[in-house]
């Protein structure tokens, strides 16, 4: 949505205060970091602000390219009033939701809103792919679609990939781990918001037993019960940290891992920011949606594991609490031996 003629956008010298909007979630926010960095570095003297839900503050907590963070809780009207007092020169909307559009329209005077630009969400094309398996999706990562929201500012992708910054107090000391983990481990991000993006417990147990190195299970408090079942079944070679450490401590363990195994979830993108060797396991979603690990120049470090040829896949651009078809073949047919080979290669 454009609120001003393009001719306004060409003068970088007039741009002093820029607001970036991305309310959620972990992975989507991490994917905004190249835009954040390039705006700050390519527009001299710019002051970059970031609007995000309070729950996701840790993701951008110490990003040095952000000058001020605005936290959204429940009061959108009050939040918008606070933003209005900042008198932004430009808004980069990387969320493109009803709420972000309301904010864009509310800032400035009724007749002259703050210039802003969103990005192509491609919802119709995603729907066609998920509903009818009609693939009109362009071969472009979400990061590069995000950059279209800053294109009229003359900001371009520097090709340096994602950023993730960990507060010093959250760096995890590996000396706290059992001795056999201190010589190297695989980090396994077992969580994902939707069940159809997660391997069933028995598949994770089977995979962990095949690996030739210790495994640390990572996820949120909601994954603690699942992780306990897996670690109990696998014994001392598998350690659950789900729910016992915070997001940035989990990121630290990802950074220090020999290899990262992950579902299509936020820690996968954090691993990409650290240029880790990533084996990502895909269920009902597909990389074609544009959110595969983004590591320009290091693409060989990413291995995609998925069951191809299923007529029902993808069944959604997000996911479900259970398989709509009842068979869950997209995850049940994942070959654990193939994952092990990718880990060992």
C-alpha atoms as a PDB file:
ATOM      1  CA  UNK A   1       0.000   0.000   0.000  1.00  0.00           C
ATOM      2  CA  UNK A   2       1.483   3.314  -1.128  1.00  0.00           C
ATOM      3  CA  UNK A   3       0.469   6.485   0.687  1.00  0.00           C
ATOM      4  CA  UNK A   4       2.655   8.922  -1.253  1.00  0.00           C
ATOM      5  CA  UNK A   5       3.911   9.411  -4.797  1.00  0.00           C
ATOM      6  CA  UNK A   6       7.229   7.709  -5.553  1.00  0.00           C
ATOM      7  CA  UNK A   7       8.917  11.063  -6.158  1.00  0.00           C
ATOM      8  CA  UNK A   8       8.890  11.719  -2.410  1.00  0.00           C
ATOM      9  CA  UNK A   9      10.857   8.575  -1.647  1.00  0.00           C
ATOM     10  CA  UNK A  10      13.977   9.386  -3.617  1.00  0.00           C
ATOM     11  CA  UNK A  11      15.515  11.894  -1.188  1.00  0.00           C
ATOM     12  CA  UNK A  12      17.467   9.956   1.406  1.00  0.00           C
ATOM     13  CA  UNK A  13      18.599  13.201   3.027  1.00  0.00           C
ATOM     14  CA  UNK A  14      15.021  13.844   4.166  1.00  0.00           C
ATOM     15  CA  UNK A  15      14.770  10.494   5.927  1.00  0.00           C
ATOM     16  CA  UNK A  16      15.856  10.781   9.543  1.00  0.00           C
ATOM     17  CA  UNK A  17      13.439   8.570  11.455  1.00  0.00           C
ATOM     18  CA  UNK A  18      12.231   5.256  10.016  1.00  0.00           C
ATOM     19  CA  UNK A  19       9.798   2.794  11.586  1.00  0.00           C
ATOM     20  CA  UNK A  20       9.929  -0.910  10.727  1.00  0.00           C
ATOM     21  CA  UNK A  21       6.861  -2.958  11.684  1.00  0.00           C
ATOM     22  CA  UNK A  22       7.038  -6.709  12.267  1.00  0.00           C
ATOM     23  CA  UNK A  23       4.995  -7.856  15.263  1.00  0.00           C
ATOM     24  CA  UNK A  24       5.724 -11.618  15.171  1.00  0.00           C
ATOM     25  CA  UNK A  25       6.952 -14.360  15.129  1.00  0.00           C
ATOM     26  CA  UNK A  26      10.533 -15.430  15.888  1.00  0.00           C
ATOM     27  CA  UNK A  27      11.503 -16.602  12.417  1.00  0.00           C
ATOM     28  CA  UNK A  28       9.718 -13.799  10.580  1.00  0.00           C
ATOM     29  CA  UNK A  29      11.447 -11.219  12.782  1.00  0.00           C
ATOM     30  CA  UNK A  30      14.883 -12.767  12.252  1.00  0.00           C
ATOM     31  CA  UNK A  31      14.243 -12.579   8.506  1.00  0.00           C
ATOM     32  CA  UNK A  32      13.788  -8.796   8.777  1.00  0.00           C
ATOM     33  CA  UNK A  33      17.357  -8.285  10.026  1.00  0.00           C
ATOM     34  CA  UNK A  34      18.985  -7.727   6.616  1.00  0.00           C
ATOM     35  CA  UNK A  35      16.490  -4.904   5.951  1.00  0.00           C
ATOM     36  CA  UNK A  36      17.171  -3.408   9.384  1.00  0.00           C
ATOM     37  CA  UNK A  37      20.932  -3.481   8.808  1.00  0.00           C
ATOM     38  CA  UNK A  38      20.796  -2.104   5.281  1.00  0.00           C
ATOM     39  CA  UNK A  39      18.425   0.736   6.203  1.00  0.00           C
ATOM     40  CA  UNK A  40      20.759   1.793   9.002  1.00  0.00           C
ATOM     41  CA  UNK A  41      23.936   1.490   6.960  1.00  0.00           C
ATOM     42  CA  UNK A  42      22.722   2.803   3.604  1.00  0.00           C
ATOM     43  CA  UNK A  43      20.792   5.877   4.788  1.00  0.00           C
ATOM     44  CA  UNK A  44      23.312   8.150   6.523  1.00  0.00           C
ATOM     45  CA  UNK A  45      22.100   9.638   9.784  1.00  0.00           C
ATOM     46  CA  UNK A  46      18.954   7.535   9.897  1.00  0.00           C
ATOM     47  CA  UNK A  47      17.279   6.637  13.180  1.00  0.00           C
ATOM     48  CA  UNK A  48      15.769   3.158  12.885  1.00  0.00           C
ATOM     49  CA  UNK A  49      12.853   2.148  15.124  1.00  0.00           C
ATOM     50  CA  UNK A  50      11.274  -1.306  15.333  1.00  0.00           C
ATOM     51  CA  UNK A  51       7.705  -2.182  16.370  1.00  0.00           C
ATOM     52  CA  UNK A  52       7.207  -5.706  17.717  1.00  0.00           C
ATOM     53  CA  UNK A  53       5.005  -7.627  20.129  1.00  0.00           C
ATOM     54  CA  UNK A  54       6.356  -7.589  23.665  1.00  0.00           C
ATOM     55  CA  UNK A  55       6.669 -11.385  23.688  1.00  0.00           C
ATOM     56  CA  UNK A  56       9.270 -11.207  20.907  1.00  0.00           C
ATOM     57  CA  UNK A  57      11.420  -8.435  22.375  1.00  0.00           C
ATOM     58  CA  UNK A  58      14.349 -10.856  23.002  1.00  0.00           C
ATOM     59  CA  UNK A  59      14.741 -11.410  19.252  1.00  0.00           C
ATOM     60  CA  UNK A  60      15.767  -7.780  18.672  1.00  0.00           C
ATOM     61  CA  UNK A  61      16.803  -6.878  22.222  1.00  0.00           C
ATOM     62  CA  UNK A  62      20.446  -5.974  21.474  1.00  0.00           C
ATOM     63  CA  UNK A  63      20.397  -5.482  17.698  1.00  0.00           C
ATOM     64  CA  UNK A  64      22.897  -2.616  17.223  1.00  0.00           C
ATOM     65  CA  UNK A  65      21.168  -1.410  14.047  1.00  0.00           C
ATOM     66  CA  UNK A  66      17.967  -0.557  15.947  1.00  0.00           C
ATOM     67  CA  UNK A  67      17.878   2.760  17.772  1.00  0.00           C
ATOM     68  CA  UNK A  68      14.566   2.280  19.573  1.00  0.00           C
ATOM     69  CA  UNK A  69      12.158  -0.618  20.084  1.00  0.00           C
ATOM     70  CA  UNK A  70       8.404  -0.119  20.486  1.00  0.00           C
ATOM     71  CA  UNK A  71       6.571  -2.972  22.223  1.00  0.00           C
ATOM     72  CA  UNK A  72       2.981  -3.796  21.339  1.00  0.00           C
ATOM     73  CA  UNK A  73       0.892  -5.328  24.112  1.00  0.00           C
ATOM     74  CA  UNK A  74      -2.910  -5.260  23.930  1.00  0.00           C
ATOM     75  CA  UNK A  75      -3.747  -1.578  23.495  1.00  0.00           C
ATOM     76  CA  UNK A  76      -3.366  -0.869  19.772  1.00  0.00           C
ATOM     77  CA  UNK A  77      -4.923   2.584  20.076  1.00  0.00           C
ATOM     78  CA  UNK A  78      -2.532   3.642  22.828  1.00  0.00           C
ATOM     79  CA  UNK A  79       0.387   2.069  20.991  1.00  0.00           C
ATOM     80  CA  UNK A  80      -0.472   4.028  17.848  1.00  0.00           C
ATOM     81  CA  UNK A  81      -0.656   7.278  19.817  1.00  0.00           C
ATOM     82  CA  UNK A  82       2.850   6.681  21.156  1.00  0.00           C
ATOM     83  CA  UNK A  83       4.145   6.016  17.664  1.00  0.00           C
ATOM     84  CA  UNK A  84       2.461   9.139  16.355  1.00  0.00           C
ATOM     85  CA  UNK A  85       4.443  11.263  18.800  1.00  0.00           C
ATOM     86  CA  UNK A  86       7.663  10.030  17.171  1.00  0.00           C
ATOM     87  CA  UNK A  87       6.885  11.848  13.882  1.00  0.00           C
ATOM     88  CA  UNK A  88       8.351   9.215  11.583  1.00  0.00           C
ATOM     89  CA  UNK A  89       9.537  10.156   8.114  1.00  0.00           C
ATOM     90  CA  UNK A  90       8.870   6.734   6.640  1.00  0.00           C
ATOM     91  CA  UNK A  91       7.301   3.393   7.597  1.00  0.00           C
ATOM     92  CA  UNK A  92       8.528   0.020   6.340  1.00  0.00           C
ATOM     93  CA  UNK A  93       5.702  -2.436   6.968  1.00  0.00           C
ATOM     94  CA  UNK A  94       7.087  -5.981   7.033  1.00  0.00           C
ATOM     95  CA  UNK A  95       3.973  -7.439   8.619  1.00  0.00           C
ATOM     96  CA  UNK A  96       1.213  -6.344   6.250  1.00  0.00           C
ATOM     97  CA  UNK A  97      -1.648  -7.138   8.637  1.00  0.00           C
ATOM     98  CA  UNK A  98      -4.837  -5.276   9.449  1.00  0.00           C
ATOM     99  CA  UNK A  99      -3.169  -3.857  12.556  1.00  0.00           C
ATOM    100  CA  UNK A 100      -0.063  -2.669  10.746  1.00  0.00           C
ATOM    101  CA  UNK A 101      -2.202  -1.033   8.053  1.00  0.00           C
ATOM    102  CA  UNK A 102      -4.236   0.758  10.720  1.00  0.00           C
ATOM    103  CA  UNK A 103      -1.015   2.107  12.194  1.00  0.00           C
ATOM    104  CA  UNK A 104       0.230   3.273   8.800  1.00  0.00           C
ATOM    105  CA  UNK A 105      -3.033   5.087   8.113  1.00  0.00           C
ATOM    106  CA  UNK A 106      -3.207   6.611  11.590  1.00  0.00           C
ATOM    107  CA  UNK A 107       0.229   8.226  11.591  1.00  0.00           C
ATOM    108  CA  UNK A 108       0.404  11.758  10.262  1.00  0.00           C
ATOM    109  CA  UNK A 109      -2.521  14.075   9.489  1.00  0.00           C
ATOM    110  CA  UNK A 110      -5.775  12.796   7.952  1.00  0.00           C
ATOM    111  CA  UNK A 111      -4.854  14.332   4.608  1.00  0.00           C
ATOM    112  CA  UNK A 112      -1.118  13.625   4.628  1.00  0.00           C
ATOM    113  CA  UNK A 113      -0.107  10.321   6.169  1.00  0.00           C
ATOM    114  CA  UNK A 114       3.474   9.277   6.839  1.00  0.00           C
ATOM    115  CA  UNK A 115       4.888   7.778   3.610  1.00  0.00           C
ATOM    116  CA  UNK A 116       5.033   4.008   3.863  1.00  0.00           C
ATOM    117  CA  UNK A 117       5.448   0.853   1.876  1.00  0.00           C
ATOM    118  CA  UNK A 118       4.609  -2.795   2.475  1.00  0.00           C
ATOM    119  CA  UNK A 119       5.910  -5.934   0.783  1.00  0.00           C
ATOM    120  CA  UNK A 120       4.256  -8.538  -1.481  1.00  0.00           C
ATOM    121  CA  UNK A 121       2.791 -11.220   0.815  1.00  0.00           C
ATOM    122  CA  UNK A 122       1.629 -13.345  -2.129  1.00  0.00           C
ATOM    123  CA  UNK A 123      -1.298 -14.689  -0.091  1.00  0.00           C
ATOM    124  CA  UNK A 124      -3.341 -15.548  -3.169  1.00  0.00           C
ATOM    125  CA  UNK A 125      -0.482 -17.533  -4.689  1.00  0.00           C
ATOM    126  CA  UNK A 126       0.163 -19.305  -1.374  1.00  0.00           C
ATOM    127  CA  UNK A 127      -3.532 -20.193  -1.176  1.00  0.00           C
ATOM    128  CA  UNK A 128      -3.520 -21.587  -4.714  1.00  0.00           C
ATOM    129  CA  UNK A 129      -0.486 -23.709  -3.914  1.00  0.00           C
ATOM    130  CA  UNK A 130      -1.928 -25.073  -0.657  1.00  0.00           C
ATOM    131  CA  UNK A 131      -5.519 -25.483  -1.844  1.00  0.00           C
ATOM    132  CA  UNK A 132      -5.192 -26.564  -5.473  1.00  0.00           C
ATOM    133  CA  UNK A 133      -1.443 -27.311  -5.811  1.00  0.00           C
ATOM    134  CA  UNK A 134      -1.189 -24.620  -8.475  1.00  0.00           C
ATOM    135  CA  UNK A 135       2.345 -23.322  -8.172  1.00  0.00           C
ATOM    136  CA  UNK A 136       2.645 -19.668  -9.139  1.00  0.00           C
ATOM    137  CA  UNK A 137       5.129 -18.847  -6.389  1.00  0.00           C
ATOM    138  CA  UNK A 138       8.182 -16.920  -7.605  1.00  0.00           C
ATOM    139  CA  UNK A 139      11.631 -18.299  -6.878  1.00  0.00           C
ATOM    140  CA  UNK A 140      12.388 -15.594  -4.328  1.00  0.00           C
ATOM    141  CA  UNK A 141      13.062 -15.801  -0.610  1.00  0.00           C
ATOM    142  CA  UNK A 142      10.928 -13.852   1.860  1.00  0.00           C
ATOM    143  CA  UNK A 143      13.995 -11.737   2.715  1.00  0.00           C
ATOM    144  CA  UNK A 144      14.144 -10.419  -0.834  1.00  0.00           C
ATOM    145  CA  UNK A 145      10.404  -9.731  -0.785  1.00  0.00           C
ATOM    146  CA  UNK A 146      10.930  -7.758   2.419  1.00  0.00           C
ATOM    147  CA  UNK A 147      13.469  -5.581   0.592  1.00  0.00           C
ATOM    148  CA  UNK A 148      10.776  -4.437  -1.820  1.00  0.00           C
ATOM    149  CA  UNK A 149       9.315  -2.391   1.052  1.00  0.00           C
ATOM    150  CA  UNK A 150      12.558  -0.379   1.153  1.00  0.00           C
ATOM    151  CA  UNK A 151      13.292  -0.300  -2.573  1.00  0.00           C
ATOM    152  CA  UNK A 152      11.951   3.204  -3.164  1.00  0.00           C
ATOM    153  CA  UNK A 153      14.423   4.441  -0.540  1.00  0.00           C
ATOM    154  CA  UNK A 154      17.281   3.165  -2.673  1.00  0.00           C
ATOM    155  CA  UNK A 155      18.091   0.480  -0.100  1.00  0.00           C
ATOM    156  CA  UNK A 156      19.391  -2.787  -1.552  1.00  0.00           C
ATOM    157  CA  UNK A 157      20.276  -6.186  -0.165  1.00  0.00           C
ATOM    158  CA  UNK A 158      23.964  -6.301   0.781  1.00  0.00           C
ATOM    159  CA  UNK A 159      24.023 -10.098   0.536  1.00  0.00           C
ATOM    160  CA  UNK A 160      25.441 -10.533   4.051  1.00  0.00           C
ATOM    161  CA  UNK A 161      22.563 -12.671   5.282  1.00  0.00           C
ATOM    162  CA  UNK A 162      20.742 -12.652   8.598  1.00  0.00           C
ATOM    163  CA  UNK A 163      21.770 -11.191  11.946  1.00  0.00           C
ATOM    164  CA  UNK A 164      21.192 -12.488  15.435  1.00  0.00           C
ATOM    165  CA  UNK A 165      22.681 -10.843  18.500  1.00  0.00           C
ATOM    166  CA  UNK A 166      22.792 -12.518  21.916  1.00  0.00           C
ATOM    167  CA  UNK A 167      23.006 -10.449  25.126  1.00  0.00           C
ATOM    168  CA  UNK A 168      26.270 -11.194  26.939  1.00  0.00           C
ATOM    169  CA  UNK A 169      24.418 -12.476  30.002  1.00  0.00           C
ATOM    170  CA  UNK A 170      22.623 -15.096  27.890  1.00  0.00           C
ATOM    171  CA  UNK A 171      25.702 -16.710  26.358  1.00  0.00           C
ATOM    172  CA  UNK A 172      25.512 -20.321  27.531  1.00  0.00           C
ATOM    173  CA  UNK A 173      28.631 -21.727  29.194  1.00  0.00           C
ATOM    174  CA  UNK A 174      29.195 -25.205  27.790  1.00  0.00           C
ATOM    175  CA  UNK A 175      31.023 -26.134  30.991  1.00  0.00           C
ATOM    176  CA  UNK A 176      27.574 -26.424  32.561  1.00  0.00           C
ATOM    177  CA  UNK A 177      26.721 -29.324  30.258  1.00  0.00           C
ATOM    178  CA  UNK A 178      27.509 -32.982  31.030  1.00  0.00           C
ATOM    179  CA  UNK A 179      31.096 -33.807  30.081  1.00  0.00           C
ATOM    180  CA  UNK A 180      30.193 -35.892  27.013  1.00  0.00           C
ATOM    181  CA  UNK A 181      28.334 -32.889  25.508  1.00  0.00           C
ATOM    182  CA  UNK A 182      31.285 -30.531  25.838  1.00  0.00           C
ATOM    183  CA  UNK A 183      33.177 -32.144  22.949  1.00  0.00           C
ATOM    184  CA  UNK A 184      30.385 -31.435  20.483  1.00  0.00           C
ATOM    185  CA  UNK A 185      26.652 -31.971  20.113  1.00  0.00           C
ATOM    186  CA  UNK A 186      23.757 -31.672  17.716  1.00  0.00           C
ATOM    187  CA  UNK A 187      21.116 -29.081  18.567  1.00  0.00           C
ATOM    188  CA  UNK A 188      17.625 -30.350  17.693  1.00  0.00           C
ATOM    189  CA  UNK A 189      14.887 -27.701  17.601  1.00  0.00           C
ATOM    190  CA  UNK A 190      11.917 -29.995  18.191  1.00  0.00           C
ATOM    191  CA  UNK A 191       9.256 -27.301  18.434  1.00  0.00           C
ATOM    192  CA  UNK A 192       7.011 -25.588  15.915  1.00  0.00           C
ATOM    193  CA  UNK A 193       3.780 -23.707  16.435  1.00  0.00           C
ATOM    194  CA  UNK A 194       1.684 -26.236  14.516  1.00  0.00           C
ATOM    195  CA  UNK A 195       1.740 -30.002  15.049  1.00  0.00           C
ATOM    196  CA  UNK A 196       1.833 -30.759  11.325  1.00  0.00           C
ATOM    197  CA  UNK A 197       5.256 -29.088  11.161  1.00  0.00           C
ATOM    198  CA  UNK A 198       6.686 -31.396  13.845  1.00  0.00           C
ATOM    199  CA  UNK A 199       7.989 -34.933  13.644  1.00  0.00           C
ATOM    200  CA  UNK A 200       6.041 -37.369  15.856  1.00  0.00           C
ATOM    201  CA  UNK A 201       7.836 -38.339  19.080  1.00  0.00           C
ATOM    202  CA  UNK A 202       8.631 -41.861  17.892  1.00  0.00           C
ATOM    203  CA  UNK A 203      10.377 -40.501  14.779  1.00  0.00           C
ATOM    204  CA  UNK A 204      12.513 -38.098  16.835  1.00  0.00           C
ATOM    205  CA  UNK A 205      13.416 -40.902  19.250  1.00  0.00           C
ATOM    206  CA  UNK A 206      14.411 -43.154  16.359  1.00  0.00           C
ATOM    207  CA  UNK A 207      16.515 -40.399  14.798  1.00  0.00           C
ATOM    208  CA  UNK A 208      18.287 -39.450  18.026  1.00  0.00           C
ATOM    209  CA  UNK A 209      19.224 -43.083  18.639  1.00  0.00           C
ATOM    210  CA  UNK A 210      20.830 -43.261  15.193  1.00  0.00           C
ATOM    211  CA  UNK A 211      23.053 -40.204  15.647  1.00  0.00           C
ATOM    212  CA  UNK A 212      26.703 -40.623  16.619  1.00  0.00           C
ATOM    213  CA  UNK A 213      26.852 -37.558  18.851  1.00  0.00           C
ATOM    214  CA  UNK A 214      24.966 -36.228  21.877  1.00  0.00           C
ATOM    215  CA  UNK A 215      21.783 -34.284  21.174  1.00  0.00           C
ATOM    216  CA  UNK A 216      20.391 -31.225  22.956  1.00  0.00           C
ATOM    217  CA  UNK A 217      16.656 -30.754  22.516  1.00  0.00           C
ATOM    218  CA  UNK A 218      15.627 -27.109  22.210  1.00  0.00           C
ATOM    219  CA  UNK A 219      12.190 -25.525  22.369  1.00  0.00           C
ATOM    220  CA  UNK A 220       9.864 -23.529  24.566  1.00  0.00           C
ATOM    221  CA  UNK A 221       7.979 -24.490  27.730  1.00  0.00           C
ATOM    222  CA  UNK A 222       5.224 -25.930  25.538  1.00  0.00           C
ATOM    223  CA  UNK A 223       7.734 -28.500  24.249  1.00  0.00           C
ATOM    224  CA  UNK A 224       8.974 -29.632  27.684  1.00  0.00           C
ATOM    225  CA  UNK A 225       6.606 -32.605  27.992  1.00  0.00           C
ATOM    226  CA  UNK A 226       7.456 -33.879  24.510  1.00  0.00           C
ATOM    227  CA  UNK A 227      11.169 -33.407  25.197  1.00  0.00           C
ATOM    228  CA  UNK A 228      10.939 -35.349  28.459  1.00  0.00           C
ATOM    229  CA  UNK A 229       9.393 -38.325  26.653  1.00  0.00           C
ATOM    230  CA  UNK A 230      12.154 -38.235  24.032  1.00  0.00           C
ATOM    231  CA  UNK A 231      15.081 -37.825  26.439  1.00  0.00           C
ATOM    232  CA  UNK A 232      13.762 -40.559  28.739  1.00  0.00           C
ATOM    233  CA  UNK A 233      13.472 -42.970  25.810  1.00  0.00           C
ATOM    234  CA  UNK A 234      16.948 -42.127  24.502  1.00  0.00           C
ATOM    235  CA  UNK A 235      18.932 -42.040  27.734  1.00  0.00           C
ATOM    236  CA  UNK A 236      21.931 -39.840  28.662  1.00  0.00           C
ATOM    237  CA  UNK A 237      22.914 -39.118  25.061  1.00  0.00           C
ATOM    238  CA  UNK A 238      19.917 -36.787  24.743  1.00  0.00           C
ATOM    239  CA  UNK A 239      19.492 -33.751  26.983  1.00  0.00           C
ATOM    240  CA  UNK A 240      16.330 -31.651  27.115  1.00  0.00           C
ATOM    241  CA  UNK A 241      16.696 -27.907  27.617  1.00  0.00           C
ATOM    242  CA  UNK A 242      13.121 -27.151  26.563  1.00  0.00           C
ATOM    243  CA  UNK A 243      11.511 -24.691  28.937  1.00  0.00           C
ATOM    244  CA  UNK A 244      14.541 -24.500  31.232  1.00  0.00           C
ATOM    245  CA  UNK A 245      16.393 -21.754  29.349  1.00  0.00           C
ATOM    246  CA  UNK A 246      15.249 -18.625  27.525  1.00  0.00           C
ATOM    247  CA  UNK A 247      15.257 -17.944  23.786  1.00  0.00           C
ATOM    248  CA  UNK A 248      18.635 -16.219  23.683  1.00  0.00           C
ATOM    249  CA  UNK A 249      20.255 -18.989  25.724  1.00  0.00           C
ATOM    250  CA  UNK A 250      18.799 -21.451  23.223  1.00  0.00           C
ATOM    251  CA  UNK A 251      20.280 -19.312  20.440  1.00  0.00           C
ATOM    252  CA  UNK A 252      23.657 -19.524  22.176  1.00  0.00           C
ATOM    253  CA  UNK A 253      23.462 -23.326  22.231  1.00  0.00           C
ATOM    254  CA  UNK A 254      22.521 -23.258  18.540  1.00  0.00           C
ATOM    255  CA  UNK A 255      25.539 -21.064  17.787  1.00  0.00           C
ATOM    256  CA  UNK A 256      27.892 -23.461  19.602  1.00  0.00           C
ATOM    257  CA  UNK A 257      26.452 -26.681  18.137  1.00  0.00           C
ATOM    258  CA  UNK A 258      28.298 -28.803  15.579  1.00  0.00           C
ATOM    259  CA  UNK A 259      25.104 -29.206  13.566  1.00  0.00           C
ATOM    260  CA  UNK A 260      21.496 -28.055  13.886  1.00  0.00           C
ATOM    261  CA  UNK A 261      18.464 -30.216  13.130  1.00  0.00           C
ATOM    262  CA  UNK A 262      15.234 -28.280  12.978  1.00  0.00           C
ATOM    263  CA  UNK A 263      11.661 -28.216  11.847  1.00  0.00           C
ATOM    264  CA  UNK A 264      10.355 -25.219   9.874  1.00  0.00           C
ATOM    265  CA  UNK A 265      10.555 -22.894  12.866  1.00  0.00           C
ATOM    266  CA  UNK A 266      12.260 -19.867  14.400  1.00  0.00           C
ATOM    267  CA  UNK A 267      15.420 -21.578  15.645  1.00  0.00           C
ATOM    268  CA  UNK A 268      16.073 -22.724  12.086  1.00  0.00           C
ATOM    269  CA  UNK A 269      16.383 -19.086  11.028  1.00  0.00           C
ATOM    270  CA  UNK A 270      18.523 -18.265  14.050  1.00  0.00           C
ATOM    271  CA  UNK A 271      20.823 -21.117  13.012  1.00  0.00           C
ATOM    272  CA  UNK A 272      20.970 -19.615   9.513  1.00  0.00           C
ATOM    273  CA  UNK A 273      22.028 -16.280  11.017  1.00  0.00           C
ATOM    274  CA  UNK A 274      25.016 -18.085  12.550  1.00  0.00           C
ATOM    275  CA  UNK A 275      25.777 -19.874   9.263  1.00  0.00           C
ATOM    276  CA  UNK A 276      25.455 -23.283  10.908  1.00  0.00           C
ATOM    277  CA  UNK A 277      25.170 -26.596   9.146  1.00  0.00           C
ATOM    278  CA  UNK A 278      21.384 -27.043   9.105  1.00  0.00           C
ATOM    279  CA  UNK A 279      19.290 -30.107   8.391  1.00  0.00           C
ATOM    280  CA  UNK A 280      15.715 -28.845   8.201  1.00  0.00           C
ATOM    281  CA  UNK A 281      12.803 -31.294   8.248  1.00  0.00           C
ATOM    282  CA  UNK A 282       9.613 -30.213   6.476  1.00  0.00           C
ATOM    283  CA  UNK A 283       6.112 -31.570   6.978  1.00  0.00           C
ATOM    284  CA  UNK A 284       2.956 -29.893   5.712  1.00  0.00           C
ATOM    285  CA  UNK A 285       4.782 -26.721   4.613  1.00  0.00           C
ATOM    286  CA  UNK A 286       7.246 -26.511   1.737  1.00  0.00           C
ATOM    287  CA  UNK A 287      10.399 -24.461   1.082  1.00  0.00           C
ATOM    288  CA  UNK A 288       8.691 -23.116  -2.059  1.00  0.00           C
ATOM    289  CA  UNK A 289       6.741 -20.757   0.244  1.00  0.00           C
ATOM    290  CA  UNK A 290      10.005 -18.809   0.557  1.00  0.00           C
ATOM    291  CA  UNK A 291      11.098 -19.381   4.154  1.00  0.00           C
ATOM    292  CA  UNK A 292      13.876 -21.938   3.845  1.00  0.00           C
ATOM    293  CA  UNK A 293      17.237 -21.265   5.600  1.00  0.00           C
ATOM    294  CA  UNK A 294      18.665 -18.029   4.197  1.00  0.00           C
ATOM    295  CA  UNK A 295      22.468 -18.163   3.940  1.00  0.00           C
ATOM    296  CA  UNK A 296      23.616 -16.382   0.768  1.00  0.00           C
ATOM    297  CA  UNK A 297      27.009 -17.759  -0.234  1.00  0.00           C
ATOM    298  CA  UNK A 298      26.698 -20.715   2.155  1.00  0.00           C
ATOM    299  CA  UNK A 299      23.724 -22.504   0.638  1.00  0.00           C
ATOM    300  CA  UNK A 300      25.614 -25.816   0.734  1.00  0.00           C
ATOM    301  CA  UNK A 301      25.363 -25.767   4.537  1.00  0.00           C
ATOM    302  CA  UNK A 302      21.589 -26.245   4.300  1.00  0.00           C
ATOM    303  CA  UNK A 303      20.001 -29.649   3.651  1.00  0.00           C
ATOM    304  CA  UNK A 304      16.245 -29.887   3.120  1.00  0.00           C
ATOM    305  CA  UNK A 305      14.598 -33.149   4.202  1.00  0.00           C
ATOM    306  CA  UNK A 306      11.057 -33.630   2.896  1.00  0.00           C
ATOM    307  CA  UNK A 307       8.730 -36.235   1.457  1.00  0.00           C
ATOM    308  CA  UNK A 308       8.134 -35.271  -2.158  1.00  0.00           C
ATOM    309  CA  UNK A 309       5.382 -36.439  -4.478  1.00  0.00           C
ATOM    310  CA  UNK A 310       2.518 -36.266  -1.989  1.00  0.00           C
ATOM    311  CA  UNK A 311      -0.629 -34.911  -3.644  1.00  0.00           C
ATOM    312  CA  UNK A 312      -1.808 -33.428  -0.344  1.00  0.00           C
ATOM    313  CA  UNK A 313       1.342 -31.389   0.323  1.00  0.00           C
ATOM    314  CA  UNK A 314       1.449 -28.531   1.090  1.00  0.00           C
ATOM    315  CA  UNK A 315      -1.902 -28.589   2.844  1.00  0.00           C
ATOM    316  CA  UNK A 316      -1.437 -25.160   4.410  1.00  0.00           C
ATOM    317  CA  UNK A 317       0.941 -22.221   4.356  1.00  0.00           C
ATOM    318  CA  UNK A 318       1.031 -22.422   8.167  1.00  0.00           C
ATOM    319  CA  UNK A 319      -0.110 -25.714   9.654  1.00  0.00           C
ATOM    320  CA  UNK A 320      -2.736 -27.586  11.645  1.00  0.00           C
ATOM    321  CA  UNK A 321      -3.143 -29.260  15.023  1.00  0.00           C
ATOM    322  CA  UNK A 322      -3.456 -32.596  13.217  1.00  0.00           C
ATOM    323  CA  UNK A 323      -3.148 -33.975   9.711  1.00  0.00           C
ATOM    324  CA  UNK A 324      -6.312 -33.095   7.736  1.00  0.00           C
ATOM    325  CA  UNK A 325      -6.073 -36.428   5.912  1.00  0.00           C
ATOM    326  CA  UNK A 326      -5.405 -38.477   9.042  1.00  0.00           C
ATOM    327  CA  UNK A 327      -2.313 -40.278   7.706  1.00  0.00           C
ATOM    328  CA  UNK A 328       0.398 -37.618   8.317  1.00  0.00           C
ATOM    329  CA  UNK A 329       2.534 -39.140   5.582  1.00  0.00           C
ATOM    330  CA  UNK A 330       4.571 -35.945   5.155  1.00  0.00           C
ATOM    331  CA  UNK A 331       6.236 -36.641   8.509  1.00  0.00           C
ATOM    332  CA  UNK A 332       5.656 -40.355   9.050  1.00  0.00           C
ATOM    333  CA  UNK A 333       7.548 -41.132   5.832  1.00  0.00           C
ATOM    334  CA  UNK A 334      10.603 -39.027   6.700  1.00  0.00           C
ATOM    335  CA  UNK A 335      13.623 -41.351   6.498  1.00  0.00           C
ATOM    336  CA  UNK A 336      15.663 -41.035   9.708  1.00  0.00           C
ATOM    337  CA  UNK A 337      18.620 -42.673   7.984  1.00  0.00           C
ATOM    338  CA  UNK A 338      18.594 -39.902   5.376  1.00  0.00           C
ATOM    339  CA  UNK A 339      18.723 -37.318   8.166  1.00  0.00           C
ATOM    340  CA  UNK A 340      21.616 -39.167   9.819  1.00  0.00           C
ATOM    341  CA  UNK A 341      23.543 -39.222   6.542  1.00  0.00           C
ATOM    342  CA  UNK A 342      23.032 -35.457   6.188  1.00  0.00           C
ATOM    343  CA  UNK A 343      24.287 -34.925   9.745  1.00  0.00           C
ATOM    344  CA  UNK A 344      27.358 -37.066   9.114  1.00  0.00           C
ATOM    345  CA  UNK A 345      28.237 -35.621   5.713  1.00  0.00           C
END
